[in-house]
Amino acid sequence: MNVTFSQLLESSLVNLQQGASIGLAEIFISISFTLICASIIVYTYKNTYQGVLYQKSFATTIVMASIVTTSVIMVISGNLVLSLGMVGALSIVRFRAAIKDPMDIMYIFWAITVGIANGVAYIKVSLSTTIIISIIMFLMSRRIVLSNEVYLLIVKHDDKNNNEIVDIIKREFNKSQVKSRSIKNDVHESIFEVRGSADKAIKSLENLEGIEISLISYENNV
């Protein structure tokens, strides 16, 4: 009797969902879909990352967390005793790795969710939600990049230019806030947190005499 791939896939998914005897075909199918979803998550993480330093090790962690979760769910699915034992074992484990960016927690939870869904053969759920979340992340990251042009503007000047500098900054930027001011040897150093396009403001400031300007990309809320 010839068995088509679609029949084999359907039979494997049924076995996973019902917690029946799991063979190599079921394991291969489940892990394959997990890798596909994890690859989409990593691609989304890499291309929407807004932090300072992108970590390749975290991307690897996302893939491995998905695969390990899938494996665990396949082991305990349909077996109450194993499920209770796994809960008891995991309650002993304590993870103390510091997560600096709150978004990293979301990606870890996303990877674990994909692993759980694929472990019980909810392939449609894992694929559809992964694609939808990925699209949302791309749209949100694009909007954040376009709207959050935030900089630290460092200006060294003498006392006579102080009012003109403040007027130019208030006029040319959407929002501005003085972060600090210092005076040393009659040289004023003012640091402004500003939001908006900096090109026009820099040109206006450069027309003033006795002024030095530094512009630093900055991530914060004005």
N, C-alpha and C. Protein backbone atom coordinates (compact mmCIF):
# COMPACT_ATOMS: atom_id res chain seq x y z
N MET A 1 0.85 -1.19 0.00
CA MET A 1 0.00 0.00 0.00
C MET A 1 0.88 1.24 0.00
N ASN A 2 0.67 2.12 -0.97
CA ASN A 2 1.45 3.33 -1.06
C ASN A 2 0.87 4.41 -0.15
N VAL A 3 1.75 5.05 0.59
CA VAL A 3 1.34 6.11 1.52
C VAL A 3 1.91 7.42 1.02
N THR A 4 1.05 8.39 0.79
CA THR A 4 1.51 9.69 0.32
C THR A 4 2.07 10.50 1.48
N PHE A 5 2.79 11.56 1.12
CA PHE A 5 3.39 12.40 2.16
C PHE A 5 2.31 13.09 3.00
N SER A 6 1.22 13.51 2.36
CA SER A 6 0.15 14.19 3.11
C SER A 6 -0.50 13.24 4.12
N GLN A 7 -0.66 11.95 3.73
CA GLN A 7 -1.21 10.98 4.66
C GLN A 7 -0.26 10.71 5.82
N LEU A 8 1.04 10.62 5.51
CA LEU A 8 2.03 10.43 6.56
C LEU A 8 2.05 11.61 7.51
N LEU A 9 1.96 12.82 6.96
CA LEU A 9 1.96 14.02 7.79
C LEU A 9 0.74 14.06 8.69
N GLU A 10 -0.43 13.74 8.11
CA GLU A 10 -1.66 13.77 8.89
C GLU A 10 -1.63 12.72 10.00
N SER A 11 -1.12 11.54 9.69
CA SER A 11 -1.03 10.47 10.70
C SER A 11 -0.07 10.86 11.82
N SER A 12 1.03 11.48 11.47
CA SER A 12 2.01 11.90 12.47
C SER A 12 1.45 12.97 13.39
N LEU A 13 0.71 13.92 12.82
CA LEU A 13 0.12 14.98 13.62
C LEU A 13 -0.92 14.43 14.59
N VAL A 14 -1.68 13.45 14.13
CA VAL A 14 -2.69 12.83 15.00
C VAL A 14 -2.01 12.12 16.16
N ASN A 15 -0.92 11.41 15.88
CA ASN A 15 -0.20 10.72 16.94
C ASN A 15 0.35 11.70 17.98
N LEU A 16 0.86 12.82 17.51
CA LEU A 16 1.40 13.82 18.44
C LEU A 16 0.30 14.44 19.29
N GLN A 17 -0.83 14.74 18.68
CA GLN A 17 -1.92 15.38 19.41
C GLN A 17 -2.54 14.45 20.43
N GLN A 18 -2.60 13.18 20.12
CA GLN A 18 -3.23 12.22 21.03
C GLN A 18 -2.26 11.60 22.02
N GLY A 19 -0.99 11.93 21.89
CA GLY A 19 0.00 11.37 22.81
C GLY A 19 0.25 9.89 22.57
N ALA A 20 -0.01 9.45 21.36
CA ALA A 20 0.20 8.03 21.04
C ALA A 20 1.69 7.77 20.86
N SER A 21 2.00 6.54 20.44
CA SER A 21 3.40 6.18 20.22
C SER A 21 4.00 7.08 19.15
N ILE A 22 5.11 7.71 19.48
CA ILE A 22 5.73 8.68 18.58
C ILE A 22 6.94 8.02 17.91
N GLY A 23 6.95 8.06 16.59
CA GLY A 23 8.06 7.49 15.84
C GLY A 23 8.99 8.56 15.31
N LEU A 24 9.95 8.12 14.50
CA LEU A 24 10.92 9.05 13.94
C LEU A 24 10.28 10.06 13.01
N ALA A 25 9.25 9.64 12.29
CA ALA A 25 8.56 10.56 11.37
C ALA A 25 7.92 11.71 12.13
N GLU A 26 7.24 11.41 13.24
CA GLU A 26 6.61 12.45 14.04
C GLU A 26 7.64 13.41 14.61
N ILE A 27 8.75 12.85 15.10
CA ILE A 27 9.80 13.69 15.68
C ILE A 27 10.39 14.61 14.62
N PHE A 28 10.67 14.05 13.45
CA PHE A 28 11.27 14.84 12.37
C PHE A 28 10.34 15.97 11.93
N ILE A 29 9.06 15.67 11.76
CA ILE A 29 8.10 16.68 11.32
C ILE A 29 7.96 17.80 12.34
N SER A 30 7.84 17.41 13.61
CA SER A 30 7.67 18.41 14.66
C SER A 30 8.90 19.32 14.79
N ILE A 31 10.08 18.72 14.78
CA ILE A 31 11.32 19.51 14.90
C ILE A 31 11.51 20.39 13.67
N SER A 32 11.14 19.90 12.49
CA SER A 32 11.29 20.67 11.26
C SER A 32 10.45 21.95 11.30
N PHE A 33 9.20 21.81 11.70
CA PHE A 33 8.34 22.99 11.80
C PHE A 33 8.82 23.95 12.89
N THR A 34 9.38 23.39 13.95
CA THR A 34 9.94 24.24 15.01
C THR A 34 11.11 25.05 14.48
N LEU A 35 11.98 24.42 13.69
CA LEU A 35 13.11 25.14 13.10
C LEU A 35 12.65 26.24 12.15
N ILE A 36 11.60 25.98 11.39
CA ILE A 36 11.07 27.00 10.48
C ILE A 36 10.58 28.21 11.28
N CYS A 37 9.78 27.94 12.31
CA CYS A 37 9.26 29.03 13.14
C CYS A 37 10.38 29.77 13.87
N ALA A 38 11.35 29.01 14.39
CA ALA A 38 12.46 29.63 15.10
C ALA A 38 13.30 30.50 14.17
N SER A 39 13.44 30.06 12.93
CA SER A 39 14.19 30.86 11.94
C SER A 39 13.49 32.19 11.67
N ILE A 40 12.17 32.16 11.61
CA ILE A 40 11.41 33.40 11.41
C ILE A 40 11.58 34.32 12.62
N ILE A 41 11.57 33.74 13.81
CA ILE A 41 11.75 34.54 15.04
C ILE A 41 13.12 35.19 15.05
N VAL A 42 14.16 34.42 14.72
CA VAL A 42 15.53 34.96 14.71
C VAL A 42 15.67 36.05 13.65
N TYR A 43 15.08 35.83 12.48
CA TYR A 43 15.13 36.85 11.42
C TYR A 43 14.45 38.14 11.88
N THR A 44 13.33 37.98 12.55
CA THR A 44 12.61 39.15 13.08
C THR A 44 13.44 39.86 14.14
N TYR A 45 14.04 39.08 15.04
CA TYR A 45 14.87 39.66 16.11
C TYR A 45 16.05 40.44 15.53
N LYS A 46 16.70 39.85 14.54
CA LYS A 46 17.89 40.47 13.95
C LYS A 46 17.55 41.77 13.22
N ASN A 47 16.43 41.81 12.52
CA ASN A 47 16.10 42.95 11.67
C ASN A 47 15.24 44.01 12.35
N THR A 48 14.75 43.72 13.55
CA THR A 48 13.98 44.73 14.28
C THR A 48 14.65 45.14 15.57
N TYR A 49 15.88 44.65 15.79
CA TYR A 49 16.58 44.93 17.05
C TYR A 49 16.88 46.42 17.17
N GLN A 50 16.51 47.01 18.31
CA GLN A 50 16.68 48.45 18.52
C GLN A 50 17.76 48.77 19.56
N GLY A 51 18.42 47.74 20.09
CA GLY A 51 19.42 47.96 21.12
C GLY A 51 20.76 48.40 20.56
N VAL A 52 21.75 48.42 21.44
CA VAL A 52 23.08 48.89 21.07
C VAL A 52 23.92 47.76 20.48
N LEU A 53 23.87 46.57 21.09
CA LEU A 53 24.75 45.47 20.68
C LEU A 53 23.91 44.23 20.39
N TYR A 54 23.90 43.82 19.12
CA TYR A 54 23.18 42.60 18.73
C TYR A 54 23.99 41.38 19.15
N GLN A 55 23.33 40.43 19.82
CA GLN A 55 24.01 39.25 20.34
C GLN A 55 23.62 38.02 19.52
N LYS A 56 24.61 37.42 18.86
CA LYS A 56 24.36 36.20 18.11
C LYS A 56 24.01 35.04 19.04
N SER A 57 24.59 35.06 20.24
CA SER A 57 24.32 33.98 21.19
C SER A 57 22.85 33.95 21.60
N PHE A 58 22.22 35.12 21.67
CA PHE A 58 20.80 35.16 22.02
C PHE A 58 19.96 34.58 20.89
N ALA A 59 20.35 34.84 19.65
CA ALA A 59 19.65 34.25 18.51
C ALA A 59 19.74 32.73 18.54
N THR A 60 20.92 32.22 18.89
CA THR A 60 21.08 30.76 19.04
C THR A 60 20.21 30.23 20.17
N THR A 61 20.12 31.00 21.25
CA THR A 61 19.29 30.60 22.39
C THR A 61 17.83 30.46 21.99
N ILE A 62 17.35 31.36 21.14
CA ILE A 62 15.96 31.30 20.68
C ILE A 62 15.69 29.99 19.95
N VAL A 63 16.61 29.60 19.05
CA VAL A 63 16.43 28.36 18.29
C VAL A 63 16.46 27.15 19.21
N MET A 64 17.46 27.11 20.09
CA MET A 64 17.60 25.96 20.98
C MET A 64 16.45 25.86 21.97
N ALA A 65 15.96 27.01 22.46
CA ALA A 65 14.82 26.99 23.40
C ALA A 65 13.59 26.41 22.73
N SER A 66 13.38 26.74 21.45
CA SER A 66 12.23 26.19 20.72
C SER A 66 12.34 24.69 20.56
N ILE A 67 13.52 24.22 20.16
CA ILE A 67 13.72 22.77 19.92
C ILE A 67 13.61 21.99 21.23
N VAL A 68 14.23 22.49 22.28
CA VAL A 68 14.19 21.79 23.58
C VAL A 68 12.76 21.73 24.11
N THR A 69 12.03 22.83 23.98
CA THR A 69 10.64 22.85 24.45
C THR A 69 9.80 21.85 23.66
N THR A 70 10.00 21.80 22.35
CA THR A 70 9.28 20.83 21.53
C THR A 70 9.57 19.40 21.98
N SER A 71 10.84 19.12 22.25
CA SER A 71 11.23 17.78 22.69
C SER A 71 10.58 17.43 24.02
N VAL A 72 10.58 18.37 24.95
CA VAL A 72 9.98 18.13 26.27
C VAL A 72 8.49 17.86 26.15
N ILE A 73 7.80 18.67 25.35
CA ILE A 73 6.36 18.50 25.19
C ILE A 73 6.03 17.16 24.54
N MET A 74 6.84 16.71 23.57
CA MET A 74 6.60 15.41 22.95
C MET A 74 6.77 14.28 23.96
N VAL A 75 7.70 14.44 24.89
CA VAL A 75 7.94 13.40 25.90
C VAL A 75 6.77 13.28 26.86
N ILE A 76 6.23 14.41 27.31
CA ILE A 76 5.21 14.38 28.37
C ILE A 76 3.78 14.38 27.83
N SER A 77 3.60 14.59 26.52
CA SER A 77 2.24 14.66 25.98
C SER A 77 1.53 13.31 26.15
N GLY A 78 0.31 13.37 26.67
CA GLY A 78 -0.48 12.16 26.84
C GLY A 78 -0.07 11.29 28.02
N ASN A 79 0.87 11.75 28.84
CA ASN A 79 1.33 10.96 29.99
C ASN A 79 1.25 11.83 31.23
N LEU A 80 0.26 11.61 32.07
CA LEU A 80 0.03 12.43 33.25
C LEU A 80 1.18 12.32 34.25
N VAL A 81 1.70 11.12 34.44
CA VAL A 81 2.78 10.91 35.41
C VAL A 81 4.03 11.69 35.00
N LEU A 82 4.40 11.59 33.72
CA LEU A 82 5.56 12.33 33.22
C LEU A 82 5.34 13.84 33.31
N SER A 83 4.10 14.27 33.05
CA SER A 83 3.79 15.70 33.11
C SER A 83 4.00 16.25 34.52
N LEU A 84 3.49 15.52 35.52
CA LEU A 84 3.66 15.95 36.91
C LEU A 84 5.13 15.91 37.32
N GLY A 85 5.84 14.88 36.86
CA GLY A 85 7.26 14.79 37.17
C GLY A 85 8.05 15.92 36.56
N MET A 86 7.70 16.30 35.33
CA MET A 86 8.39 17.41 34.67
C MET A 86 8.14 18.72 35.38
N VAL A 87 6.91 18.95 35.82
CA VAL A 87 6.60 20.17 36.57
C VAL A 87 7.42 20.23 37.85
N GLY A 88 7.53 19.10 38.55
CA GLY A 88 8.33 19.07 39.77
C GLY A 88 9.81 19.31 39.51
N ALA A 89 10.31 18.73 38.41
CA ALA A 89 11.74 18.91 38.09
C ALA A 89 12.04 20.35 37.71
N LEU A 90 11.17 20.96 36.90
CA LEU A 90 11.41 22.34 36.48
C LEU A 90 11.24 23.33 37.61
N SER A 91 10.45 22.98 38.64
CA SER A 91 10.28 23.89 39.77
C SER A 91 11.55 24.02 40.60
N ILE A 92 12.46 23.05 40.45
CA ILE A 92 13.72 23.09 41.19
C ILE A 92 14.73 24.00 40.50
N VAL A 93 14.63 24.10 39.17
CA VAL A 93 15.61 24.84 38.38
C VAL A 93 15.43 26.35 38.58
N ARG A 94 16.54 27.03 38.75
CA ARG A 94 16.53 28.49 38.88
C ARG A 94 17.44 29.09 37.83
N PHE A 95 16.88 29.95 36.98
CA PHE A 95 17.67 30.62 35.95
C PHE A 95 18.00 32.03 36.42
N ARG A 96 19.28 32.36 36.44
CA ARG A 96 19.71 33.66 36.96
C ARG A 96 20.41 34.51 35.92
N ALA A 97 20.24 34.22 34.66
CA ALA A 97 20.84 35.05 33.61
C ALA A 97 20.10 36.38 33.54
N ALA A 98 20.85 37.47 33.58
CA ALA A 98 20.25 38.81 33.55
C ALA A 98 19.80 39.14 32.13
N ILE A 99 18.55 39.55 32.00
CA ILE A 99 18.01 39.97 30.71
C ILE A 99 17.89 41.49 30.74
N LYS A 100 18.71 42.17 29.94
CA LYS A 100 18.79 43.62 29.99
C LYS A 100 17.63 44.29 29.26
N ASP A 101 17.22 43.73 28.14
CA ASP A 101 16.16 44.34 27.35
C ASP A 101 14.85 43.60 27.58
N PRO A 102 13.77 44.30 27.98
CA PRO A 102 12.48 43.62 28.19
C PRO A 102 11.98 42.87 26.95
N MET A 103 12.36 43.34 25.75
CA MET A 103 11.93 42.67 24.54
C MET A 103 12.52 41.27 24.43
N ASP A 104 13.69 41.06 25.04
CA ASP A 104 14.30 39.72 25.00
C ASP A 104 13.41 38.70 25.70
N ILE A 105 12.72 39.13 26.75
CA ILE A 105 11.80 38.22 27.46
C ILE A 105 10.69 37.78 26.52
N MET A 106 10.18 38.75 25.73
CA MET A 106 9.12 38.44 24.77
C MET A 106 9.58 37.41 23.75
N TYR A 107 10.82 37.56 23.25
CA TYR A 107 11.33 36.62 22.25
C TYR A 107 11.51 35.22 22.85
N ILE A 108 11.99 35.14 24.08
CA ILE A 108 12.13 33.84 24.74
C ILE A 108 10.76 33.19 24.92
N PHE A 109 9.78 33.97 25.38
CA PHE A 109 8.43 33.45 25.56
C PHE A 109 7.83 33.02 24.23
N TRP A 110 8.10 33.79 23.19
CA TRP A 110 7.64 33.46 21.83
C TRP A 110 8.22 32.13 21.38
N ALA A 111 9.52 31.93 21.61
CA ALA A 111 10.17 30.68 21.22
C ALA A 111 9.61 29.49 21.99
N ILE A 112 9.36 29.68 23.28
CA ILE A 112 8.81 28.59 24.09
C ILE A 112 7.39 28.24 23.64
N THR A 113 6.61 29.27 23.33
CA THR A 113 5.24 29.04 22.85
C THR A 113 5.23 28.24 21.56
N VAL A 114 6.13 28.58 20.64
CA VAL A 114 6.25 27.83 19.38
C VAL A 114 6.63 26.38 19.67
N GLY A 115 7.55 26.18 20.60
CA GLY A 115 7.95 24.82 20.97
C GLY A 115 6.81 24.01 21.53
N ILE A 116 5.99 24.64 22.38
CA ILE A 116 4.84 23.94 22.96
C ILE A 116 3.83 23.57 21.88
N ALA A 117 3.53 24.54 21.01
CA ALA A 117 2.52 24.29 19.96
C ALA A 117 2.96 23.18 19.01
N ASN A 118 4.22 23.21 18.60
CA ASN A 118 4.70 22.17 17.68
C ASN A 118 4.87 20.83 18.38
N GLY A 119 5.11 20.85 19.67
CA GLY A 119 5.25 19.60 20.42
C GLY A 119 3.97 18.80 20.47
N VAL A 120 2.82 19.48 20.38
CA VAL A 120 1.53 18.79 20.37
C VAL A 120 0.87 18.89 18.99
N ALA A 121 1.68 19.22 17.98
CA ALA A 121 1.28 19.20 16.57
C ALA A 121 0.25 20.26 16.20
N TYR A 122 0.23 21.37 16.92
CA TYR A 122 -0.61 22.49 16.50
C TYR A 122 0.22 23.36 15.54
N ILE A 123 0.51 22.79 14.38
CA ILE A 123 1.40 23.42 13.41
C ILE A 123 0.78 24.71 12.86
N LYS A 124 -0.53 24.65 12.56
CA LYS A 124 -1.18 25.84 12.01
C LYS A 124 -1.13 27.00 12.99
N VAL A 125 -1.30 26.69 14.27
CA VAL A 125 -1.25 27.74 15.29
C VAL A 125 0.13 28.37 15.36
N SER A 126 1.17 27.53 15.42
CA SER A 126 2.53 28.05 15.56
C SER A 126 2.97 28.86 14.35
N LEU A 127 2.67 28.35 13.13
CA LEU A 127 3.08 29.05 11.91
C LEU A 127 2.33 30.37 11.73
N SER A 128 1.01 30.32 11.90
CA SER A 128 0.20 31.53 11.68
C SER A 128 0.53 32.62 12.70
N THR A 129 0.62 32.23 13.98
CA THR A 129 0.94 33.24 15.00
C THR A 129 2.36 33.78 14.85
N THR A 130 3.29 32.92 14.44
CA THR A 130 4.66 33.38 14.22
C THR A 130 4.72 34.41 13.10
N ILE A 131 4.03 34.14 12.01
CA ILE A 131 4.02 35.08 10.88
C ILE A 131 3.34 36.40 11.27
N ILE A 132 2.22 36.30 11.97
CA ILE A 132 1.47 37.51 12.37
C ILE A 132 2.30 38.37 13.32
N ILE A 133 2.91 37.74 14.34
CA ILE A 133 3.72 38.49 15.30
C ILE A 133 4.92 39.11 14.61
N SER A 134 5.53 38.37 13.68
CA SER A 134 6.68 38.90 12.94
C SER A 134 6.31 40.15 12.14
N ILE A 135 5.16 40.10 11.47
CA ILE A 135 4.71 41.27 10.70
C ILE A 135 4.46 42.46 11.63
N ILE A 136 3.83 42.20 12.77
CA ILE A 136 3.58 43.27 13.74
C ILE A 136 4.88 43.89 14.23
N MET A 137 5.87 43.04 14.51
CA MET A 137 7.16 43.54 14.99
C MET A 137 7.84 44.42 13.95
N PHE A 138 7.79 44.01 12.68
CA PHE A 138 8.40 44.81 11.62
C PHE A 138 7.71 46.16 11.48
N LEU A 139 6.37 46.16 11.54
CA LEU A 139 5.62 47.40 11.43
C LEU A 139 5.91 48.33 12.60
N MET A 140 5.96 47.78 13.80
CA MET A 140 6.22 48.60 14.99
C MET A 140 7.64 49.14 15.00
N SER A 141 8.60 48.33 14.60
CA SER A 141 10.00 48.79 14.59
C SER A 141 10.20 49.89 13.56
N ARG A 142 9.52 49.78 12.42
CA ARG A 142 9.62 50.82 11.39
C ARG A 142 9.02 52.13 11.90
N ARG A 143 7.92 52.02 12.60
CA ARG A 143 7.27 53.23 13.13
C ARG A 143 8.13 53.88 14.21
N ILE A 144 8.76 53.05 15.06
CA ILE A 144 9.62 53.58 16.12
C ILE A 144 10.83 54.29 15.53
N VAL A 145 11.44 53.69 14.50
CA VAL A 145 12.62 54.29 13.87
C VAL A 145 12.27 55.64 13.26
N LEU A 146 11.09 55.72 12.62
CA LEU A 146 10.70 56.95 11.94
C LEU A 146 10.32 58.05 12.93
N SER A 147 9.76 57.66 14.08
CA SER A 147 9.24 58.67 15.00
C SER A 147 10.21 59.04 16.12
N ASN A 148 11.19 58.16 16.41
CA ASN A 148 12.06 58.40 17.56
C ASN A 148 13.47 58.77 17.12
N GLU A 149 13.61 59.85 16.39
CA GLU A 149 14.93 60.36 16.06
C GLU A 149 15.41 61.20 17.24
N VAL A 150 15.97 60.52 18.23
CA VAL A 150 16.37 61.18 19.47
C VAL A 150 17.89 61.26 19.52
N TYR A 151 18.39 62.44 19.90
CA TYR A 151 19.83 62.67 19.94
C TYR A 151 20.22 63.40 21.21
N LEU A 152 21.50 63.27 21.54
CA LEU A 152 22.13 64.14 22.52
C LEU A 152 22.94 65.17 21.75
N LEU A 153 22.60 66.43 21.93
CA LEU A 153 23.30 67.52 21.26
C LEU A 153 24.20 68.22 22.28
N ILE A 154 25.51 68.13 22.05
CA ILE A 154 26.50 68.73 22.95
C ILE A 154 27.05 69.98 22.28
N VAL A 155 26.89 71.11 22.95
CA VAL A 155 27.31 72.40 22.38
C VAL A 155 28.28 73.08 23.33
N LYS A 156 29.47 73.41 22.80
CA LYS A 156 30.45 74.21 23.54
C LYS A 156 30.45 75.62 22.95
N HIS A 157 30.29 76.62 23.80
CA HIS A 157 30.12 77.99 23.30
C HIS A 157 30.51 78.98 24.39
N ASP A 158 30.54 80.26 24.01
CA ASP A 158 30.77 81.29 25.02
C ASP A 158 29.43 81.85 25.48
N ASP A 159 29.49 82.77 26.43
CA ASP A 159 28.27 83.24 27.09
C ASP A 159 27.36 84.04 26.15
N LYS A 160 27.91 84.74 25.19
CA LYS A 160 27.11 85.63 24.35
C LYS A 160 26.18 84.88 23.40
N ASN A 161 26.49 83.62 23.11
CA ASN A 161 25.67 82.84 22.17
C ASN A 161 24.59 82.01 22.85
N ASN A 162 24.50 82.08 24.14
CA ASN A 162 23.63 81.18 24.88
C ASN A 162 22.17 81.30 24.46
N ASN A 163 21.65 82.51 24.39
CA ASN A 163 20.23 82.71 24.04
C ASN A 163 19.94 82.29 22.60
N GLU A 164 20.86 82.61 21.69
CA GLU A 164 20.66 82.24 20.29
C GLU A 164 20.63 80.73 20.12
N ILE A 165 21.49 80.03 20.84
CA ILE A 165 21.53 78.56 20.75
C ILE A 165 20.22 77.96 21.22
N VAL A 166 19.73 78.45 22.34
CA VAL A 166 18.47 77.94 22.88
C VAL A 166 17.31 78.20 21.91
N ASP A 167 17.28 79.39 21.32
CA ASP A 167 16.21 79.74 20.38
C ASP A 167 16.25 78.83 19.15
N ILE A 168 17.44 78.59 18.62
CA ILE A 168 17.56 77.73 17.43
C ILE A 168 17.10 76.31 17.74
N ILE A 169 17.51 75.78 18.88
CA ILE A 169 17.15 74.41 19.25
C ILE A 169 15.64 74.28 19.44
N LYS A 170 15.03 75.25 20.10
CA LYS A 170 13.58 75.20 20.31
C LYS A 170 12.82 75.33 18.99
N ARG A 171 13.37 76.09 18.06
CA ARG A 171 12.70 76.32 16.79
C ARG A 171 12.84 75.15 15.83
N GLU A 172 14.02 74.55 15.78
CA GLU A 172 14.31 73.55 14.76
C GLU A 172 13.94 72.13 15.16
N PHE A 173 13.90 71.83 16.45
CA PHE A 173 13.58 70.47 16.90
C PHE A 173 12.14 70.39 17.38
N ASN A 174 11.55 69.20 17.24
CA ASN A 174 10.18 69.00 17.70
C ASN A 174 10.08 69.11 19.21
N LYS A 175 11.04 68.50 19.90
CA LYS A 175 11.08 68.57 21.35
C LYS A 175 12.53 68.71 21.79
N SER A 176 12.73 69.40 22.89
CA SER A 176 14.09 69.56 23.41
C SER A 176 14.05 69.71 24.92
N GLN A 177 15.13 69.30 25.54
CA GLN A 177 15.23 69.38 27.00
C GLN A 177 16.69 69.51 27.38
N VAL A 178 16.99 70.43 28.28
CA VAL A 178 18.36 70.63 28.76
C VAL A 178 18.69 69.53 29.76
N LYS A 179 19.75 68.77 29.46
CA LYS A 179 20.16 67.69 30.37
C LYS A 179 21.18 68.18 31.39
N SER A 180 22.13 69.01 30.94
CA SER A 180 23.14 69.54 31.86
C SER A 180 23.82 70.75 31.26
N ARG A 181 24.40 71.57 32.16
CA ARG A 181 25.18 72.73 31.74
C ARG A 181 26.37 72.85 32.67
N SER A 182 27.51 73.20 32.09
CA SER A 182 28.73 73.39 32.89
C SER A 182 29.55 74.52 32.31
N ILE A 183 30.34 75.17 33.16
CA ILE A 183 31.20 76.28 32.74
C ILE A 183 32.61 76.00 33.25
N LYS A 184 33.57 76.09 32.34
CA LYS A 184 34.96 75.91 32.70
C LYS A 184 35.83 76.82 31.85
N ASN A 185 36.59 77.68 32.52
CA ASN A 185 37.46 78.66 31.84
C ASN A 185 36.67 79.50 30.83
N ASP A 186 35.50 79.98 31.27
CA ASP A 186 34.61 80.83 30.46
C ASP A 186 34.05 80.12 29.22
N VAL A 187 34.17 78.81 29.18
CA VAL A 187 33.59 78.01 28.08
C VAL A 187 32.37 77.27 28.62
N HIS A 188 31.22 77.50 28.00
CA HIS A 188 29.98 76.85 28.41
C HIS A 188 29.81 75.55 27.62
N GLU A 189 29.41 74.52 28.33
CA GLU A 189 29.07 73.26 27.68
C GLU A 189 27.64 72.89 28.05
N SER A 190 26.78 72.86 27.04
CA SER A 190 25.37 72.54 27.26
C SER A 190 25.03 71.23 26.55
N ILE A 191 24.31 70.37 27.24
CA ILE A 191 23.89 69.09 26.67
C ILE A 191 22.36 69.09 26.59
N PHE A 192 21.84 68.93 25.37
CA PHE A 192 20.40 68.92 25.13
C PHE A 192 19.97 67.54 24.65
N GLU A 193 18.83 67.11 25.13
CA GLU A 193 18.18 65.92 24.59
C GLU A 193 17.13 66.42 23.60
N VAL A 194 17.27 66.04 22.33
CA VAL A 194 16.41 66.62 21.29
C VAL A 194 15.78 65.51 20.46
N ARG A 195 14.65 65.84 19.85
CA ARG A 195 13.95 64.90 18.97
C ARG A 195 13.56 65.61 17.68
N GLY A 196 13.83 64.96 16.56
CA GLY A 196 13.48 65.52 15.26
C GLY A 196 14.66 65.47 14.31
N SER A 197 14.49 66.06 13.14
CA SER A 197 15.56 66.11 12.14
C SER A 197 16.62 67.11 12.57
N ALA A 198 17.89 66.67 12.53
CA ALA A 198 18.97 67.50 13.06
C ALA A 198 19.69 68.32 12.00
N ASP A 199 19.48 68.05 10.72
CA ASP A 199 20.26 68.69 9.66
C ASP A 199 20.12 70.21 9.67
N LYS A 200 18.89 70.70 9.68
CA LYS A 200 18.67 72.13 9.61
C LYS A 200 19.19 72.83 10.86
N ALA A 201 19.00 72.20 12.01
CA ALA A 201 19.46 72.80 13.26
C ALA A 201 20.98 72.91 13.29
N ILE A 202 21.67 71.87 12.81
CA ILE A 202 23.13 71.90 12.80
C ILE A 202 23.65 73.02 11.90
N LYS A 203 23.02 73.19 10.74
CA LYS A 203 23.44 74.26 9.82
C LYS A 203 23.25 75.64 10.45
N SER A 204 22.14 75.81 11.17
CA SER A 204 21.89 77.10 11.83
C SER A 204 22.88 77.36 12.94
N LEU A 205 23.21 76.32 13.70
CA LEU A 205 24.16 76.48 14.80
C LEU A 205 25.57 76.74 14.28
N GLU A 206 25.93 76.14 13.15
CA GLU A 206 27.28 76.31 12.60
C GLU A 206 27.53 77.75 12.13
N ASN A 207 26.48 78.49 11.88
CA ASN A 207 26.64 79.89 11.46
C ASN A 207 27.05 80.81 12.61
N LEU A 208 26.90 80.33 13.84
CA LEU A 208 27.30 81.12 14.99
C LEU A 208 28.81 81.02 15.19
N GLU A 209 29.41 82.07 15.73
CA GLU A 209 30.85 82.09 15.96
C GLU A 209 31.19 81.50 17.33
N GLY A 210 32.36 80.87 17.40
CA GLY A 210 32.86 80.35 18.67
C GLY A 210 32.02 79.23 19.25
N ILE A 211 31.65 78.28 18.39
CA ILE A 211 30.78 77.20 18.84
C ILE A 211 31.28 75.87 18.30
N GLU A 212 31.22 74.83 19.15
CA GLU A 212 31.57 73.46 18.76
C GLU A 212 30.36 72.57 19.02
N ILE A 213 30.05 71.72 18.05
CA ILE A 213 28.84 70.91 18.12
C ILE A 213 29.18 69.43 18.02
N SER A 214 28.56 68.62 18.87
CA SER A 214 28.65 67.16 18.78
C SER A 214 27.24 66.60 18.87
N LEU A 215 26.94 65.65 17.98
CA LEU A 215 25.61 65.04 17.94
C LEU A 215 25.75 63.54 18.14
N ILE A 216 25.05 63.01 19.11
CA ILE A 216 25.16 61.59 19.47
C ILE A 216 23.78 60.95 19.39
N SER A 217 23.70 59.81 18.70
CA SER A 217 22.46 59.05 18.66
C SER A 217 22.14 58.57 20.06
N TYR A 218 20.86 58.67 20.42
CA TYR A 218 20.48 58.47 21.81
C TYR A 218 19.14 57.76 21.88
N GLU A 219 19.01 56.78 22.77
CA GLU A 219 17.77 56.06 22.94
C GLU A 219 17.20 56.37 24.31
N ASN A 220 16.14 57.16 24.30
CA ASN A 220 15.45 57.50 25.54
C ASN A 220 14.16 58.21 25.19
N ASN A 221 13.38 58.57 26.19
CA ASN A 221 12.15 59.30 25.96
C ASN A 221 12.32 60.75 26.37
N VAL A 222 12.00 61.66 25.45
CA VAL A 222 12.10 63.07 25.77
C VAL A 222 10.89 63.47 26.58
